[in-house]
Amino acid sequence: MSYNFVLSAILVLFSFCFIVLLYYSWQNRDTPISISYGLGVLAASFYTFGYAFQLVSTTVEQMLFWIHVQYIGIPFGPFIWIIMILQFTGNQRILTKRNIALLSIGPLSTLVTHFTNEGHQLFYRSMTLDYSQGFPLIFLDRGPLFYLHIGYAYSYYLIGLCLLVHMFLKSNKERKKQVALMMIGSSFVFGFPFIHSIGVIKIPIDISPFGLVFSAVFYLWGIYQFNMLKLSPLAMKKVFESINDAVIIFDIDNTLKSYNKSSNILFEQLPDKKLIGSFASQVLSHFPPLLTFIEQNPEIDKLTTQSMQLGEKFYNVHFSYINGSNNKPVGKMLILHDITESIKYEESLLQQSKQFEYLAHHDILTGIYNRTYFEEEVKRKLAQSGKKDGALMICDLNFFKEINDKYGHLTGDNVLIFTANCWHENLPKPHILARLGGDEFVMFFEQIGSKDKFLKQIEKARDVFRVNLYKQDNIEIEVVPSIGIAFVEEEGTNYEHLYHTCDVRMYEDKRYIKEQTQSYNKFGPVQSIAYEESSNNKN
């Protein structure tokens, strides 16, 4: 059996290998480079499969048919390859519709001129059979359009190779492996056809398909060893740099290996790459909690998260180990997510909650408790077992309507604030003071001790209003409160009953005060009005 059958069998076998690669590319079609790689594999499979059957063909017509099969893929190989390299090196922005259309001119021209060669003889001038190897091989006398095809194909290759070399020089050690693998695989794709085309080495068969075979071996290794189709090296770098969270990577000995741009923003002490290779104790010296976190070496199989304040900001810090191919840790990764705004928002909500709670319990004008809170709190205290001490007191301001009418409601509001402050400062303690509404106030005294002593304290507190006048600009107003008191020991612990008793006694006090108005030695303006109105009514 001639060796052409062996070579044909090898090419058929690798054509099926290309189908496997094509399937793998389809599985990873979410990344653009996988699509272009898959199309390149499809083009290569036409070449290898067609040449496999060309090697075992016996007539010019048979061989020409399989050459046509090969040229379904051959023109598009360089075109697809340059697209893949642009994507691999991160230059996909060049791949606009206009530029892709320009790049496709070459392969489409080759396709047309090849299949119309019989009419112009400019791609192949002639075709003859050669039996020198013991089996028929076709000899093709190439025309100018064939060399035009070679010219555009290798111009694509040179451009792509320059991009790969530039990327190789800028990459780190790990990424250099991927780039080098791509360069070696590409050299097989274009090197073998170049040697065959220029005839440097006299080889009777076309070695180009076998270059694709070697290339397939390298690409298969790269796919399984480096996940080459998952993310190109530059794309990986761009993803790393574009992450909003700060990502810092150390080796297993806590030496800084890499960090992204967000780390520069978060850590001003990381100004440049000179810190790569420094120990964590140097890099994180300004952040002791973070340094302690990474040096504690959490469990290998767990992702550890901790919230901490670093400088003026707050972060959720995630720690995890980076495992190598043997599933053993080779490094450590810190991801810092800025939660400062969330913390501020939570603090704002807490503050608002406190404000709402305050407003729910307090009178907005005077700042003392409101009626709702007062009643709930006093009822709770009265319900305590064995409660026999204590007193409830209600206060109402006399002549308050006249104050509002003469001086305005703003002055009236200030008089209420003044009254609340006076009561709070002078009433026996402890006490609960609240505003019922309008000019009415209510007080509860949980422990009063002696009843007589308590009443003297209340009278003393009320006397303060006679000597301590409300003053505003040139106005002086004496606040004249009426009060009613009920004692728990006498009236019981029912709040409503105590309140009613106070109310009755307060109105008795109010009538008494109005009857005694003329006996006051000193009247504020309001008392004078009230006195004058009373005198006029008598007249």
Protein backbone atom coordinates (compact mmCIF):
# COMPACT_ATOMS: atom_id res chain seq x y z
CA MET A 1 0.00 0.00 0.00
CA SER A 2 1.39 3.39 -1.02
CA TYR A 3 2.03 5.99 1.68
CA ASN A 4 -0.61 8.27 0.18
CA PHE A 5 -3.28 6.08 1.79
CA VAL A 6 -1.58 6.44 5.20
CA LEU A 7 -1.43 10.21 4.81
CA SER A 8 -5.05 10.28 3.69
CA ALA A 9 -6.12 8.25 6.72
CA ILE A 10 -4.25 10.65 9.05
CA LEU A 11 -5.95 13.64 7.48
CA VAL A 12 -9.40 12.02 7.70
CA LEU A 13 -8.74 11.22 11.37
CA PHE A 14 -7.79 14.80 12.11
CA SER A 15 -10.77 16.05 10.15
CA PHE A 16 -12.88 14.31 12.78
CA CYS A 17 -10.68 15.92 15.47
CA PHE A 18 -11.60 19.27 13.94
CA ILE A 19 -15.25 18.34 14.34
CA VAL A 20 -14.59 17.79 18.07
CA LEU A 21 -12.96 21.22 18.26
CA LEU A 22 -15.89 22.68 16.37
CA TYR A 23 -18.29 21.18 18.93
CA TYR A 24 -16.21 22.56 21.82
CA SER A 25 -16.28 26.00 20.20
CA TRP A 26 -20.05 25.78 19.91
CA GLN A 27 -20.28 24.90 23.60
CA ASN A 28 -18.37 28.09 24.42
CA ARG A 29 -20.08 30.30 21.84
CA ASP A 30 -20.86 32.96 24.47
CA THR A 31 -17.39 34.40 23.86
CA PRO A 32 -16.79 35.94 20.39
CA ILE A 33 -13.35 34.32 20.09
CA SER A 34 -14.96 30.88 20.34
CA ILE A 35 -17.17 31.67 17.35
CA SER A 36 -14.26 32.83 15.18
CA TYR A 37 -12.16 29.86 16.32
CA GLY A 38 -14.98 27.49 15.42
CA LEU A 39 -15.33 29.02 11.96
CA GLY A 40 -11.56 28.67 11.50
CA VAL A 41 -11.75 24.99 12.46
CA LEU A 42 -14.60 24.52 9.97
CA ALA A 43 -12.51 26.09 7.20
CA ALA A 44 -9.54 23.88 8.11
CA SER A 45 -11.70 20.76 8.07
CA PHE A 46 -12.70 21.44 4.43
CA TYR A 47 -8.99 21.71 3.58
CA THR A 48 -7.82 18.52 5.36
CA PHE A 49 -10.84 16.45 4.38
CA GLY A 50 -10.64 17.53 0.73
CA TYR A 51 -6.89 16.91 0.51
CA ALA A 52 -7.28 13.48 2.16
CA PHE A 53 -9.44 12.36 -0.75
CA GLN A 54 -7.33 14.20 -3.31
CA LEU A 55 -4.37 12.01 -2.25
CA VAL A 56 -6.25 8.82 -3.14
CA SER A 57 -7.84 10.14 -6.34
CA THR A 58 -6.62 8.80 -9.68
CA THR A 59 -7.82 11.30 -12.30
CA VAL A 60 -7.51 15.04 -12.83
CA GLU A 61 -11.28 15.41 -12.67
CA GLN A 62 -11.47 13.65 -9.31
CA MET A 63 -8.62 15.67 -7.91
CA LEU A 64 -10.07 18.94 -9.22
CA PHE A 65 -13.36 18.13 -7.46
CA TRP A 66 -11.58 17.67 -4.11
CA ILE A 67 -9.54 20.80 -4.71
CA HIS A 68 -12.82 22.68 -5.09
CA VAL A 69 -13.91 21.18 -1.74
CA GLN A 70 -10.67 22.45 -0.18
CA TYR A 71 -11.24 25.94 -1.56
CA ILE A 72 -14.53 26.23 0.26
CA GLY A 73 -12.35 26.71 3.35
CA ILE A 74 -8.89 27.81 2.12
CA PRO A 75 -9.76 31.44 1.15
CA PHE A 76 -11.49 32.10 4.48
CA GLY A 77 -8.79 30.67 6.75
CA PRO A 78 -6.62 33.83 6.90
CA PHE A 79 -9.72 36.04 7.07
CA ILE A 80 -11.13 34.18 10.09
CA TRP A 81 -7.69 33.92 11.71
CA ILE A 82 -7.06 37.68 11.70
CA ILE A 83 -10.50 38.24 13.26
CA MET A 84 -9.67 35.73 15.98
CA ILE A 85 -6.32 37.42 16.68
CA LEU A 86 -7.94 40.85 16.92
CA GLN A 87 -10.36 39.43 19.47
CA PHE A 88 -7.61 37.56 21.33
CA THR A 89 -5.45 40.67 21.66
CA GLY A 90 -8.33 42.90 22.71
CA ASN A 91 -8.59 44.87 19.44
CA GLN A 92 -12.16 43.85 18.64
CA ARG A 93 -13.11 47.52 18.38
CA ILE A 94 -11.48 47.40 14.91
CA LEU A 95 -14.01 44.78 13.81
CA THR A 96 -16.64 47.19 12.53
CA LYS A 97 -18.96 46.10 9.71
CA ARG A 98 -17.02 48.29 7.31
CA ASN A 99 -13.62 46.80 8.23
CA ILE A 100 -14.94 43.23 8.13
CA ALA A 101 -16.31 43.91 4.65
CA LEU A 102 -12.89 45.23 3.54
CA LEU A 103 -11.11 42.19 5.02
CA SER A 104 -13.51 39.86 3.20
CA ILE A 105 -12.61 41.25 -0.25
CA GLY A 106 -9.53 39.00 -0.47
CA PRO A 107 -11.16 35.66 0.37
CA LEU A 108 -14.22 36.36 -1.78
CA SER A 109 -11.99 37.26 -4.73
CA THR A 110 -10.01 34.04 -4.27
CA LEU A 111 -13.20 32.00 -4.09
CA VAL A 112 -14.58 33.51 -7.29
CA THR A 113 -11.35 33.36 -9.30
CA HIS A 114 -10.68 29.76 -8.24
CA PHE A 115 -14.08 28.45 -9.25
CA THR A 116 -14.01 30.40 -12.54
CA ASN A 117 -10.44 29.42 -13.45
CA GLU A 118 -11.51 27.41 -16.48
CA GLY A 119 -12.67 30.62 -18.11
CA HIS A 120 -9.55 32.79 -17.52
CA GLN A 121 -6.70 30.39 -16.52
CA LEU A 122 -5.27 33.07 -14.21
CA PHE A 123 -5.42 31.07 -11.00
CA TYR A 124 -4.00 27.85 -12.45
CA ARG A 125 -2.50 27.93 -15.93
CA SER A 126 -2.48 24.14 -16.36
CA MET A 127 -3.02 20.84 -14.49
CA THR A 128 -1.04 17.63 -15.10
CA LEU A 129 -0.56 14.32 -13.29
CA ASP A 130 2.77 13.21 -11.81
CA TYR A 131 3.36 9.48 -11.14
CA SER A 132 6.90 9.80 -9.77
CA GLN A 133 5.82 8.81 -6.24
CA GLY A 134 4.13 5.61 -7.30
CA PHE A 135 0.68 7.15 -7.15
CA PRO A 136 -0.83 10.03 -9.10
CA LEU A 137 -0.27 13.57 -7.83
CA ILE A 138 -1.58 16.65 -9.54
CA PHE A 139 0.86 19.34 -10.62
CA LEU A 140 -0.64 22.84 -10.77
CA ASP A 141 1.03 25.61 -12.76
CA ARG A 142 0.06 28.63 -10.64
CA GLY A 143 -1.06 31.86 -12.22
CA PRO A 144 -0.93 35.50 -11.00
CA LEU A 145 -4.25 35.37 -9.17
CA PHE A 146 -2.95 32.48 -7.02
CA TYR A 147 -0.01 34.60 -5.88
CA LEU A 148 -2.38 37.48 -5.24
CA HIS A 149 -4.23 35.08 -2.92
CA ILE A 150 -0.93 34.20 -1.20
CA GLY A 151 -0.12 37.91 -0.84
CA TYR A 152 -3.29 38.93 1.01
CA ALA A 153 -3.21 35.76 3.16
CA TYR A 154 0.31 36.46 4.44
CA SER A 155 -0.34 40.15 4.89
CA TYR A 156 -3.07 39.10 7.34
CA TYR A 157 -0.59 36.75 9.00
CA LEU A 158 2.09 39.44 9.43
CA ILE A 159 -0.39 41.89 10.95
CA GLY A 160 -1.66 39.25 13.37
CA LEU A 161 1.86 38.13 14.25
CA CYS A 162 2.86 41.72 15.11
CA LEU A 163 -0.16 42.00 17.41
CA LEU A 164 0.76 38.73 19.13
CA VAL A 165 4.43 39.75 19.58
CA HIS A 166 3.37 43.11 21.04
CA MET A 167 1.01 41.37 23.42
CA PHE A 168 3.66 38.81 24.39
CA LEU A 169 6.12 41.54 25.36
CA LYS A 170 3.56 43.29 27.59
CA SER A 171 2.12 40.17 29.25
CA ASN A 172 3.06 38.61 32.58
CA LYS A 173 4.58 35.14 32.84
CA GLU A 174 1.29 33.27 32.97
CA ARG A 175 -0.23 35.12 30.02
CA LYS A 176 2.93 34.74 27.95
CA LYS A 177 2.22 31.00 27.82
CA GLN A 178 -1.14 31.53 26.14
CA VAL A 179 0.25 34.08 23.69
CA ALA A 180 3.24 31.86 22.85
CA LEU A 181 0.90 28.94 22.26
CA MET A 182 -1.18 31.04 19.88
CA MET A 183 1.98 32.14 18.02
CA ILE A 184 3.29 28.57 17.66
CA GLY A 185 -0.08 27.26 16.51
CA SER A 186 -0.35 30.07 13.96
CA SER A 187 3.15 29.40 12.64
CA PHE A 188 2.05 25.88 11.69
CA VAL A 189 -1.06 27.25 9.97
CA PHE A 190 0.90 29.68 7.78
CA GLY A 191 4.46 28.30 7.85
CA PHE A 192 3.75 25.00 6.13
CA PRO A 193 1.77 26.57 3.24
CA PHE A 194 4.48 29.22 2.83
CA ILE A 195 7.21 26.55 2.51
CA HIS A 196 5.10 24.64 0.03
CA SER A 197 4.11 27.72 -2.00
CA ILE A 198 7.60 29.12 -2.57
CA GLY A 199 9.13 25.66 -3.16
CA VAL A 200 12.09 26.10 -0.78
CA ILE A 201 11.96 22.41 0.07
CA LYS A 202 11.06 20.06 -2.77
CA ILE A 203 8.21 18.03 -1.31
CA PRO A 204 5.92 16.29 -3.81
CA ILE A 205 2.82 16.51 -1.65
CA ASP A 206 1.07 19.59 -0.19
CA ILE A 207 2.21 19.79 3.45
CA SER A 208 -0.21 22.64 4.31
CA PRO A 209 -2.99 20.37 5.68
CA PHE A 210 -0.44 18.70 7.94
CA GLY A 211 0.47 22.11 9.30
CA LEU A 212 -3.18 22.42 10.28
CA VAL A 213 -2.88 19.04 12.02
CA PHE A 214 0.08 20.21 14.14
CA SER A 215 -1.74 23.45 14.81
CA ALA A 216 -4.78 21.50 16.00
CA VAL A 217 -2.60 19.57 18.47
CA PHE A 218 -1.26 22.81 19.98
CA TYR A 219 -4.69 24.41 20.13
CA LEU A 220 -6.15 21.32 21.79
CA TRP A 221 -3.43 21.49 24.41
CA GLY A 222 -4.05 25.18 24.94
CA ILE A 223 -7.80 24.70 25.31
CA TYR A 224 -7.46 22.06 28.02
CA GLN A 225 -4.35 23.44 29.73
CA PHE A 226 -5.10 27.18 29.70
CA ASN A 227 -8.84 27.41 28.91
CA MET A 228 -7.83 29.41 25.88
CA LEU A 229 -11.37 29.74 24.57
CA LYS A 230 -12.83 30.89 27.87
CA LEU A 231 -11.19 34.30 27.92
CA SER A 232 -8.31 35.70 25.95
CA PRO A 233 -5.42 36.99 28.10
CA LEU A 234 -6.07 40.63 27.32
CA ALA A 235 -9.79 40.17 27.81
CA MET A 236 -9.02 38.57 31.19
CA LYS A 237 -6.90 41.58 32.08
CA LYS A 238 -9.64 43.99 31.00
CA VAL A 239 -12.22 42.15 33.09
CA PHE A 240 -9.83 42.27 36.07
CA GLU A 241 -9.21 45.99 35.62
CA SER A 242 -12.87 46.87 35.06
CA ILE A 243 -14.17 45.27 38.26
CA ASN A 244 -15.57 47.99 40.49
CA ASP A 245 -14.57 46.14 43.64
CA ALA A 246 -10.95 46.27 44.75
CA VAL A 247 -9.23 42.96 44.01
CA ILE A 248 -5.83 42.24 45.59
CA ILE A 249 -3.95 38.98 44.99
CA PHE A 250 -1.14 37.60 47.16
CA ASP A 251 0.82 34.41 46.83
CA ILE A 252 0.72 31.79 49.57
CA ASP A 253 3.54 33.60 51.43
CA ASN A 254 1.57 36.88 51.52
CA THR A 255 3.59 38.56 48.76
CA LEU A 256 1.64 40.97 46.54
CA LYS A 257 1.22 39.55 43.04
CA SER A 258 -1.44 41.75 41.43
CA TYR A 259 -4.24 44.25 42.03
CA ASN A 260 -6.72 46.13 39.88
CA LYS A 261 -7.36 49.84 39.31
CA SER A 262 -10.07 49.99 41.96
CA SER A 263 -7.41 49.15 44.52
CA ASN A 264 -5.55 52.31 43.49
CA ILE A 265 -8.62 54.37 44.30
CA LEU A 266 -9.22 52.62 47.60
CA PHE A 267 -5.61 52.38 48.70
CA GLU A 268 -3.61 55.50 48.02
CA GLN A 269 -0.47 53.80 49.30
CA LEU A 270 -0.50 51.54 46.20
CA PRO A 271 0.61 54.13 43.63
CA ASP A 272 2.32 51.91 41.08
CA LYS A 273 3.47 48.44 40.16
CA LYS A 274 6.69 48.82 42.17
CA LEU A 275 4.81 47.39 45.12
CA ILE A 276 4.34 44.10 43.27
CA GLY A 277 6.49 41.63 45.20
CA SER A 278 6.15 43.48 48.52
CA PHE A 279 4.90 41.69 51.59
CA ALA A 280 1.38 42.18 52.88
CA SER A 281 2.82 43.70 56.07
CA GLN A 282 4.21 46.56 53.94
CA VAL A 283 1.32 46.96 51.54
CA LEU A 284 -1.42 46.84 54.17
CA SER A 285 0.46 48.59 56.98
CA HIS A 286 -2.13 51.40 57.04
CA PHE A 287 -4.96 48.91 57.47
CA PRO A 288 -4.21 46.64 60.46
CA PRO A 289 -7.66 44.93 60.39
CA LEU A 290 -7.11 43.91 56.75
CA LEU A 291 -3.58 42.71 57.46
CA THR A 292 -4.80 40.63 60.41
CA PHE A 293 -7.59 39.23 58.25
CA ILE A 294 -5.24 37.90 55.57
CA GLU A 295 -2.61 36.62 58.00
CA GLN A 296 -5.13 34.62 60.01
CA ASN A 297 -5.28 32.07 57.17
CA PRO A 298 -8.95 31.06 57.25
CA GLU A 299 -9.91 27.53 56.28
CA ILE A 300 -8.84 26.66 52.75
CA ASP A 301 -12.18 25.38 51.50
CA LYS A 302 -14.22 28.31 52.76
CA LEU A 303 -14.97 31.80 51.54
CA THR A 304 -14.64 34.14 54.50
CA THR A 305 -16.37 37.51 54.65
CA GLN A 306 -15.91 40.25 57.20
CA SER A 307 -17.11 43.85 57.40
CA MET A 308 -14.57 46.43 58.50
CA GLN A 309 -13.83 50.13 58.45
CA LEU A 310 -10.68 51.11 56.56
CA GLY A 311 -9.94 54.80 56.87
CA GLU A 312 -13.13 56.74 56.28
CA LYS A 313 -14.83 53.98 54.32
CA PHE A 314 -16.57 50.71 55.14
CA TYR A 315 -16.06 47.47 53.22
CA ASN A 316 -17.29 43.92 53.00
CA VAL A 317 -14.01 42.03 52.62
CA HIS A 318 -14.12 38.58 50.99
CA PHE A 319 -11.13 36.27 51.43
CA SER A 320 -10.55 33.10 49.43
CA TYR A 321 -7.66 30.89 48.38
CA ILE A 322 -6.66 30.51 44.73
CA ASN A 323 -6.09 26.86 43.85
CA GLY A 324 -3.66 25.55 41.26
CA SER A 325 -4.11 22.69 38.82
CA ASN A 326 -3.46 20.16 41.61
CA ASN A 327 -6.25 21.77 43.68
CA LYS A 328 -3.74 23.02 46.23
CA PRO A 329 -3.66 26.70 47.25
CA VAL A 330 -1.18 28.82 45.31
CA GLY A 331 -2.39 32.24 46.36
CA LYS A 332 -4.86 34.38 48.28
CA MET A 333 -7.43 36.81 46.95
CA LEU A 334 -9.06 39.73 48.72
CA ILE A 335 -12.15 41.35 47.21
CA LEU A 336 -13.22 44.57 48.90
CA HIS A 337 -16.74 45.79 48.22
CA ASP A 338 -17.36 49.40 49.24
CA ILE A 339 -20.46 49.55 51.46
CA THR A 340 -19.90 53.11 52.72
CA GLU A 341 -23.03 54.43 51.04
CA SER A 342 -25.05 51.53 52.40
CA ILE A 343 -23.75 52.18 55.91
CA LYS A 344 -24.56 55.87 55.62
CA TYR A 345 -28.01 55.01 54.34
CA GLU A 346 -28.57 52.62 57.24
CA GLU A 347 -27.39 55.29 59.68
CA SER A 348 -29.73 57.76 58.01
CA LEU A 349 -32.62 55.31 58.35
CA LEU A 350 -31.71 54.73 62.00
CA GLN A 351 -31.61 58.46 62.61
CA GLN A 352 -34.94 58.91 60.86
CA SER A 353 -36.33 56.05 62.91
CA LYS A 354 -35.20 57.78 66.07
CA GLN A 355 -36.72 61.01 64.84
CA PHE A 356 -40.01 59.30 64.06
CA GLU A 357 -39.95 57.62 67.46
CA TYR A 358 -39.28 60.99 69.07
CA LEU A 359 -42.12 62.62 67.16
CA ALA A 360 -44.42 59.76 68.09
CA HIS A 361 -43.74 60.37 71.80
CA HIS A 362 -43.17 64.12 72.00
CA ASP A 363 -45.03 67.34 71.41
CA ILE A 364 -43.45 69.11 68.45
CA LEU A 365 -43.88 72.63 69.86
CA THR A 366 -42.70 72.25 73.45
CA GLY A 367 -40.47 69.17 73.23
CA ILE A 368 -42.17 67.48 76.20
CA TYR A 369 -44.17 64.24 75.94
CA ASN A 370 -47.44 64.17 74.01
CA ARG A 371 -50.80 62.93 75.22
CA THR A 372 -50.58 59.47 73.59
CA TYR A 373 -47.24 58.53 75.12
CA PHE A 374 -48.20 60.06 78.52
CA GLU A 375 -51.40 58.05 78.81
CA GLU A 376 -49.72 54.77 77.76
CA GLU A 377 -46.83 55.26 80.21
CA VAL A 378 -48.99 56.38 83.16
CA LYS A 379 -51.46 53.53 82.65
CA ARG A 380 -48.53 51.08 82.59
CA LYS A 381 -47.19 52.48 85.86
CA LEU A 382 -50.62 52.51 87.49
CA ALA A 383 -51.11 48.86 86.52
CA GLN A 384 -48.05 47.80 88.52
CA SER A 385 -49.08 45.70 91.52
CA GLY A 386 -49.21 47.41 94.88
CA LYS A 387 -49.20 50.88 93.37
CA LYS A 388 -50.72 53.20 96.02
CA ASP A 389 -48.46 56.21 95.87
CA GLY A 390 -48.44 58.90 93.19
CA ALA A 391 -50.48 61.81 91.92
CA LEU A 392 -51.89 63.15 88.65
CA MET A 393 -52.09 66.88 87.93
CA ILE A 394 -53.70 68.84 85.08
CA CYS A 395 -52.81 72.44 84.25
CA ASP A 396 -54.67 74.97 82.11
CA LEU A 397 -53.55 78.52 81.34
CA ASN A 398 -55.93 81.34 82.17
CA PHE A 399 -56.34 84.22 79.71
CA PHE A 400 -54.44 82.34 76.99
CA LYS A 401 -57.00 83.28 74.35
CA GLU A 402 -56.41 86.96 75.14
CA ILE A 403 -52.66 86.48 74.70
CA ASN A 404 -53.20 84.99 71.21
CA ASP A 405 -55.70 87.68 70.26
CA LYS A 406 -53.53 90.61 71.33
CA TYR A 407 -49.98 89.42 70.58
CA GLY A 408 -50.54 86.79 67.94
CA HIS A 409 -50.20 83.02 67.87
CA LEU A 410 -46.41 83.09 67.59
CA THR A 411 -46.22 84.79 70.97
CA GLY A 412 -48.84 82.35 72.24
CA ASP A 413 -46.62 79.44 71.11
CA ASN A 414 -43.63 80.96 72.88
CA VAL A 415 -45.70 81.32 76.07
CA LEU A 416 -46.52 77.58 75.88
CA ILE A 417 -42.82 76.73 75.48
CA PHE A 418 -42.02 79.02 78.42
CA THR A 419 -44.71 77.32 80.53
CA ALA A 420 -43.43 73.80 79.72
CA ASN A 421 -39.86 74.77 80.66
CA CYS A 422 -40.97 76.36 83.95
CA TRP A 423 -43.00 73.34 84.98
CA HIS A 424 -40.17 70.95 84.03
CA GLU A 425 -37.57 72.89 86.01
CA ASN A 426 -39.66 73.47 89.15
CA LEU A 427 -41.94 70.45 89.59
CA PRO A 428 -40.93 67.79 92.14
CA LYS A 429 -38.92 64.98 90.57
CA PRO A 430 -39.32 62.38 89.27
CA HIS A 431 -42.24 63.38 87.13
CA ILE A 432 -43.69 62.82 83.67
CA LEU A 433 -44.72 66.05 81.97
CA ALA A 434 -46.83 66.19 78.79
CA ARG A 435 -48.90 68.59 76.75
CA LEU A 436 -52.47 67.48 76.25
CA GLY A 437 -53.09 70.02 73.50
CA GLY A 438 -53.80 73.74 73.27
CA ASP A 439 -52.85 75.36 76.59
CA GLU A 440 -53.38 72.22 78.70
CA PHE A 441 -50.60 70.28 80.40
CA VAL A 442 -50.63 67.09 82.47
CA MET A 443 -48.13 65.73 85.02
CA PHE A 444 -47.75 62.42 86.80
CA PHE A 445 -45.72 61.92 89.96
CA GLU A 446 -44.93 58.29 90.64
CA GLN A 447 -43.70 58.87 94.19
CA ILE A 448 -44.85 61.84 96.24
CA GLY A 449 -44.00 60.83 99.79
CA SER A 450 -45.88 63.17 102.15
CA LYS A 451 -49.04 64.65 100.70
CA ASP A 452 -48.62 67.97 102.55
CA LYS A 453 -45.02 68.31 101.43
CA PHE A 454 -46.02 67.53 97.85
CA LEU A 455 -48.74 70.22 97.82
CA LYS A 456 -46.26 72.80 99.14
CA GLN A 457 -43.86 71.86 96.33
CA ILE A 458 -46.61 72.31 93.74
CA GLU A 459 -47.57 75.73 95.13
CA LYS A 460 -43.93 76.74 95.14
CA ALA A 461 -43.64 75.71 91.48
CA ARG A 462 -46.76 77.68 90.62
CA ASP A 463 -45.49 80.75 92.48
CA VAL A 464 -42.52 80.83 90.09
CA PHE A 465 -44.86 82.06 87.36
CA ARG A 466 -45.75 85.12 89.48
CA VAL A 467 -42.16 86.31 89.76
CA ASN A 468 -40.78 84.87 86.52
CA LEU A 469 -42.68 86.69 83.76
CA TYR A 470 -42.52 85.83 80.09
CA LYS A 471 -40.63 88.62 78.37
CA GLN A 472 -40.53 89.38 74.67
CA ASP A 473 -39.20 92.67 73.37
CA ASN A 474 -41.11 95.26 75.48
CA ILE A 475 -43.85 92.82 76.50
CA GLU A 476 -44.12 91.19 79.92
CA ILE A 477 -46.77 88.51 80.45
CA GLU A 478 -47.57 86.72 83.66
CA VAL A 479 -48.60 83.13 83.06
CA VAL A 480 -51.53 82.23 85.30
CA PRO A 481 -52.04 78.46 85.50
CA SER A 482 -55.03 76.69 86.98
CA ILE A 483 -54.35 73.21 88.35
CA GLY A 484 -56.25 70.16 89.53
CA ILE A 485 -54.67 67.29 91.48
CA ALA A 486 -55.85 63.73 92.19
CA PHE A 487 -54.01 61.30 94.51
CA VAL A 488 -53.73 57.62 93.70
CA GLU A 489 -54.03 56.69 97.36
CA GLU A 490 -57.44 58.44 97.55
CA GLU A 491 -58.86 57.96 94.03
CA GLY A 492 -57.43 54.59 93.00
CA THR A 493 -55.40 53.47 89.97
CA ASN A 494 -57.98 53.96 87.23
CA TYR A 495 -56.49 56.54 84.88
CA GLU A 496 -59.79 57.86 83.53
CA HIS A 497 -61.14 58.40 87.05
CA LEU A 498 -57.97 60.18 88.13
CA TYR A 499 -58.10 62.37 85.03
CA HIS A 500 -61.77 63.27 85.60
CA THR A 501 -61.06 64.19 89.22
CA CYS A 502 -58.18 66.44 88.16
CA ASP A 503 -60.34 68.06 85.50
CA VAL A 504 -63.10 68.90 87.97
CA ARG A 505 -60.68 70.35 90.49
CA MET A 506 -58.84 72.34 87.83
CA TYR A 507 -62.05 74.09 86.75
CA GLU A 508 -62.79 74.87 90.40
CA ASP A 509 -59.33 76.42 90.62
CA LYS A 510 -59.93 78.31 87.37
CA ARG A 511 -63.17 79.86 88.73
CA TYR A 512 -61.41 80.81 91.93
CA ILE A 513 -58.55 82.50 90.05
CA LYS A 514 -60.88 84.52 87.86
CA GLU A 515 -62.81 85.66 90.95
CA GLN A 516 -59.54 86.69 92.60
CA THR A 517 -58.06 88.41 89.55
CA GLN A 518 -58.59 91.88 90.98
CA SER A 519 -56.68 90.94 94.15
CA TYR A 520 -53.36 90.44 92.23
CA ASN A 521 -50.81 93.08 93.08
CA LYS A 522 -49.21 93.03 89.70
CA PHE A 523 -50.99 92.40 86.45
CA GLY A 524 -49.50 91.60 83.13
CA PRO A 525 -51.17 93.13 80.09
CA VAL A 526 -53.50 90.19 79.72
CA GLN A 527 -54.69 90.34 83.31
CA SER A 528 -55.37 94.03 82.85
CA ILE A 529 -57.53 93.28 79.83
CA ALA A 530 -59.39 90.62 81.74
CA TYR A 531 -59.87 92.95 84.68
CA GLU A 532 -61.05 95.77 82.40
CA GLU A 533 -63.53 93.51 80.65
CA SER A 534 -64.82 92.34 84.04
CA SER A 535 -65.18 95.95 85.26
CA ASN A 536 -67.00 97.00 82.10
CA ASN A 537 -69.45 94.18 82.49
CA LYS A 538 -70.22 95.37 86.03
CA ASN A 539 -70.79 98.91 84.82
